[in-house]
Amino acid sequence: MAVGSTTFLDGLFPEFVTRKSLCSHSPFTTEKLQTMTATAEKQETDLTNGHMLPQAIHGTMYVGETNEGTVILEEEIFGLESKHYGNVSWEKTSGWFARWSAPGYLDATEWMGPYDTEEEAIAALDDM
């Protein structure tokens, strides 16, 4: 493959395109290189920050204190999951709970709460 030509992999590895484009035989102009670099940086930001969205719900959850800290379990899964924490005293509580979640994926942070309002719950996520 000639120096400066592009492949599908170049889109996946923009740093490779950047190195290749600095060659004297490169078909990329400085403007094109800057655009590609900016696009790659935006994609990286989207993947690291933008895929997690705030999620807040009002409901009943179980809160327990363990050796590792506070655990909050949804009422629907409490019976299945609580046994994994051993001898923990659980408190059933209602309010607003929030977490970061990746829609379409199983990725999510632990629940935080309870809070009095949805706004308080979402604001608490910024302190994570």
C-alpha atoms as a PDB file:
ATOM      1  CA  MET A   1       0.000   0.000   0.000  1.00  0.00           C
ATOM      2  CA  ALA A   2       1.373   3.407  -0.916  1.00  0.00           C
ATOM      3  CA  VAL A   3       2.294   5.902   1.763  1.00  0.00           C
ATOM      4  CA  GLY A   4      -0.597   8.267   2.382  1.00  0.00           C
ATOM      5  CA  SER A   5      -3.357   5.961   1.143  1.00  0.00           C
ATOM      6  CA  THR A   6      -6.162   5.198   3.571  1.00  0.00           C
ATOM      7  CA  THR A   7      -7.878   2.032   4.710  1.00  0.00           C
ATOM      8  CA  PHE A   8     -10.875   1.193   6.860  1.00  0.00           C
ATOM      9  CA  LEU A   9      -8.522   0.739   9.826  1.00  0.00           C
ATOM     10  CA  ASP A  10      -7.390   4.343   9.541  1.00  0.00           C
ATOM     11  CA  GLY A  11     -10.821   5.390  10.822  1.00  0.00           C
ATOM     12  CA  LEU A  12     -10.391   3.169  13.840  1.00  0.00           C
ATOM     13  CA  PHE A  13      -6.837   4.317  14.541  1.00  0.00           C
ATOM     14  CA  PRO A  14      -6.687   8.061  13.770  1.00  0.00           C
ATOM     15  CA  GLU A  15      -3.203   8.358  15.273  1.00  0.00           C
ATOM     16  CA  PHE A  16      -1.993   6.070  12.469  1.00  0.00           C
ATOM     17  CA  VAL A  17      -3.510   8.390   9.868  1.00  0.00           C
ATOM     18  CA  THR A  18      -1.881  11.347  11.605  1.00  0.00           C
ATOM     19  CA  ARG A  19       1.562   9.763  11.431  1.00  0.00           C
ATOM     20  CA  LYS A  20       1.093   8.696   7.807  1.00  0.00           C
ATOM     21  CA  SER A  21      -0.238  12.084   6.782  1.00  0.00           C
ATOM     22  CA  LEU A  22       2.916  13.794   7.945  1.00  0.00           C
ATOM     23  CA  CYS A  23       4.903  12.023   5.216  1.00  0.00           C
ATOM     24  CA  SER A  24       5.992  14.144   2.277  1.00  0.00           C
ATOM     25  CA  HIS A  25       3.888  12.085  -0.144  1.00  0.00           C
ATOM     26  CA  SER A  26       0.716  12.556   1.832  1.00  0.00           C
ATOM     27  CA  PRO A  27      -2.508  13.401  -0.016  1.00  0.00           C
ATOM     28  CA  PHE A  28      -3.861  15.113   3.130  1.00  0.00           C
ATOM     29  CA  THR A  29      -3.821  18.877   3.407  1.00  0.00           C
ATOM     30  CA  THR A  30      -3.220  20.544   6.754  1.00  0.00           C
ATOM     31  CA  GLU A  31      -6.913  21.480   6.888  1.00  0.00           C
ATOM     32  CA  LYS A  32      -7.998  17.880   6.207  1.00  0.00           C
ATOM     33  CA  LEU A  33      -5.599  16.607   8.871  1.00  0.00           C
ATOM     34  CA  GLN A  34      -6.973  19.098  11.423  1.00  0.00           C
ATOM     35  CA  THR A  35     -10.552  18.049  10.597  1.00  0.00           C
ATOM     36  CA  MET A  36      -9.694  14.359  10.976  1.00  0.00           C
ATOM     37  CA  THR A  37      -7.940  15.010  14.285  1.00  0.00           C
ATOM     38  CA  ALA A  38     -10.880  17.028  15.629  1.00  0.00           C
ATOM     39  CA  THR A  39     -13.310  14.284  14.571  1.00  0.00           C
ATOM     40  CA  ALA A  40     -11.200  11.613  16.282  1.00  0.00           C
ATOM     41  CA  GLU A  41     -11.019  13.684  19.473  1.00  0.00           C
ATOM     42  CA  LYS A  42     -14.807  14.186  19.466  1.00  0.00           C
ATOM     43  CA  GLN A  43     -15.373  10.462  18.963  1.00  0.00           C
ATOM     44  CA  GLU A  44     -13.046   9.697  21.870  1.00  0.00           C
ATOM     45  CA  THR A  45     -14.911  12.188  24.087  1.00  0.00           C
ATOM     46  CA  ASP A  46     -18.270  10.724  23.073  1.00  0.00           C
ATOM     47  CA  LEU A  47     -17.114   7.224  23.954  1.00  0.00           C
ATOM     48  CA  THR A  48     -15.667   8.154  27.334  1.00  0.00           C
ATOM     49  CA  ASN A  49     -18.251  10.692  28.521  1.00  0.00           C
ATOM     50  CA  GLY A  50     -21.254  10.807  26.276  1.00  0.00           C
ATOM     51  CA  HIS A  51     -22.451   7.228  26.370  1.00  0.00           C
ATOM     52  CA  MET A  52     -23.484   7.370  30.036  1.00  0.00           C
ATOM     53  CA  LEU A  53     -26.692   9.284  30.682  1.00  0.00           C
ATOM     54  CA  PRO A  54     -28.306  10.262  33.981  1.00  0.00           C
ATOM     55  CA  GLN A  55     -31.194   8.074  35.077  1.00  0.00           C
ATOM     56  CA  ALA A  56     -33.515   9.012  37.936  1.00  0.00           C
ATOM     57  CA  ILE A  57     -36.489   7.080  39.251  1.00  0.00           C
ATOM     58  CA  HIS A  58     -38.943   7.535  42.086  1.00  0.00           C
ATOM     59  CA  GLY A  59     -39.598   4.337  43.937  1.00  0.00           C
ATOM     60  CA  THR A  60     -38.811   2.016  46.806  1.00  0.00           C
ATOM     61  CA  MET A  61     -35.369   0.516  47.282  1.00  0.00           C
ATOM     62  CA  TYR A  62     -33.491  -1.309  50.000  1.00  0.00           C
ATOM     63  CA  VAL A  63     -30.466   0.414  51.537  1.00  0.00           C
ATOM     64  CA  GLY A  64     -27.854  -1.557  53.457  1.00  0.00           C
ATOM     65  CA  GLU A  65     -24.480  -0.771  55.000  1.00  0.00           C
ATOM     66  CA  THR A  66     -21.737  -3.288  54.225  1.00  0.00           C
ATOM     67  CA  ASN A  67     -17.997  -3.401  54.914  1.00  0.00           C
ATOM     68  CA  GLU A  68     -17.485  -1.913  51.434  1.00  0.00           C
ATOM     69  CA  GLY A  69     -19.996   0.921  51.889  1.00  0.00           C
ATOM     70  CA  THR A  70     -23.635   1.629  51.190  1.00  0.00           C
ATOM     71  CA  VAL A  71     -25.509  -0.715  48.868  1.00  0.00           C
ATOM     72  CA  ILE A  72     -28.839   0.202  47.268  1.00  0.00           C
ATOM     73  CA  LEU A  73     -30.904  -2.553  45.688  1.00  0.00           C
ATOM     74  CA  GLU A  74     -34.055  -2.190  43.634  1.00  0.00           C
ATOM     75  CA  GLU A  75     -37.141  -3.708  45.208  1.00  0.00           C
ATOM     76  CA  GLU A  76     -37.592  -6.084  42.245  1.00  0.00           C
ATOM     77  CA  ILE A  77     -34.164  -7.723  42.679  1.00  0.00           C
ATOM     78  CA  PHE A  78     -33.756  -7.424  46.444  1.00  0.00           C
ATOM     79  CA  GLY A  79     -34.693 -11.053  47.195  1.00  0.00           C
ATOM     80  CA  LEU A  80     -32.170 -12.385  44.687  1.00  0.00           C
ATOM     81  CA  GLU A  81     -29.262 -10.041  45.358  1.00  0.00           C
ATOM     82  CA  SER A  82     -29.418  -9.382  49.114  1.00  0.00           C
ATOM     83  CA  LYS A  83     -28.153 -12.856  50.008  1.00  0.00           C
ATOM     84  CA  HIS A  84     -24.797 -12.042  48.353  1.00  0.00           C
ATOM     85  CA  TYR A  85     -24.045  -9.427  51.030  1.00  0.00           C
ATOM     86  CA  GLY A  86     -24.246 -11.697  54.067  1.00  0.00           C
ATOM     87  CA  ASN A  87     -25.597 -10.437  57.358  1.00  0.00           C
ATOM     88  CA  VAL A  88     -26.586  -6.859  56.512  1.00  0.00           C
ATOM     89  CA  SER A  89     -29.510  -4.982  58.011  1.00  0.00           C
ATOM     90  CA  TRP A  90     -31.593  -3.518  55.195  1.00  0.00           C
ATOM     91  CA  GLU A  91     -33.865  -0.501  55.358  1.00  0.00           C
ATOM     92  CA  LYS A  92     -36.743  -0.201  52.922  1.00  0.00           C
ATOM     93  CA  THR A  93     -36.915   3.424  51.800  1.00  0.00           C
ATOM     94  CA  SER A  94     -38.705   5.496  49.175  1.00  0.00           C
ATOM     95  CA  GLY A  95     -37.641   8.572  47.280  1.00  0.00           C
ATOM     96  CA  TRP A  96     -35.725   9.640  44.212  1.00  0.00           C
ATOM     97  CA  PHE A  97     -32.696   7.547  43.223  1.00  0.00           C
ATOM     98  CA  ALA A  98     -30.180   8.276  40.464  1.00  0.00           C
ATOM     99  CA  ARG A  99     -27.345   6.612  38.593  1.00  0.00           C
ATOM    100  CA  TRP A 100     -25.399   6.886  35.349  1.00  0.00           C
ATOM    101  CA  SER A 101     -26.610   4.394  32.754  1.00  0.00           C
ATOM    102  CA  ALA A 102     -25.672   3.449  29.189  1.00  0.00           C
ATOM    103  CA  PRO A 103     -28.937   2.934  27.289  1.00  0.00           C
ATOM    104  CA  GLY A 104     -28.899  -0.277  25.301  1.00  0.00           C
ATOM    105  CA  TYR A 105     -26.090  -1.735  27.421  1.00  0.00           C
ATOM    106  CA  LEU A 106     -25.867  -3.295  30.864  1.00  0.00           C
ATOM    107  CA  ASP A 107     -23.389  -0.634  32.019  1.00  0.00           C
ATOM    108  CA  ALA A 108     -24.608   1.435  34.953  1.00  0.00           C
ATOM    109  CA  THR A 109     -23.183   2.863  38.155  1.00  0.00           C
ATOM    110  CA  GLU A 110     -24.549   2.030  41.582  1.00  0.00           C
ATOM    111  CA  TRP A 111     -27.758   3.769  42.645  1.00  0.00           C
ATOM    112  CA  MET A 112     -27.478   6.871  44.823  1.00  0.00           C
ATOM    113  CA  GLY A 113     -30.223   8.180  47.079  1.00  0.00           C
ATOM    114  CA  PRO A 114     -32.788   8.630  48.325  1.00  0.00           C
ATOM    115  CA  TYR A 115     -33.367  12.293  47.485  1.00  0.00           C
ATOM    116  CA  ASP A 116     -36.444  14.466  47.939  1.00  0.00           C
ATOM    117  CA  THR A 117     -36.634  15.635  44.321  1.00  0.00           C
ATOM    118  CA  GLU A 118     -35.578  14.440  40.900  1.00  0.00           C
ATOM    119  CA  GLU A 119     -33.414  17.551  40.508  1.00  0.00           C
ATOM    120  CA  GLU A 120     -31.482  16.764  43.707  1.00  0.00           C
ATOM    121  CA  ALA A 121     -30.916  13.189  42.544  1.00  0.00           C
ATOM    122  CA  ILE A 122     -29.567  14.264  39.136  1.00  0.00           C
ATOM    123  CA  ALA A 123     -27.402  16.982  40.722  1.00  0.00           C
ATOM    124  CA  ALA A 124     -25.827  14.382  43.021  1.00  0.00           C
ATOM    125  CA  LEU A 125     -24.490  12.532  39.965  1.00  0.00           C
ATOM    126  CA  ASP A 126     -22.211  15.470  39.192  1.00  0.00           C
ATOM    127  CA  ASP A 127     -20.423  14.834  42.489  1.00  0.00           C
ATOM    128  CA  MET A 128     -19.524  11.249  41.564  1.00  0.00           C
END
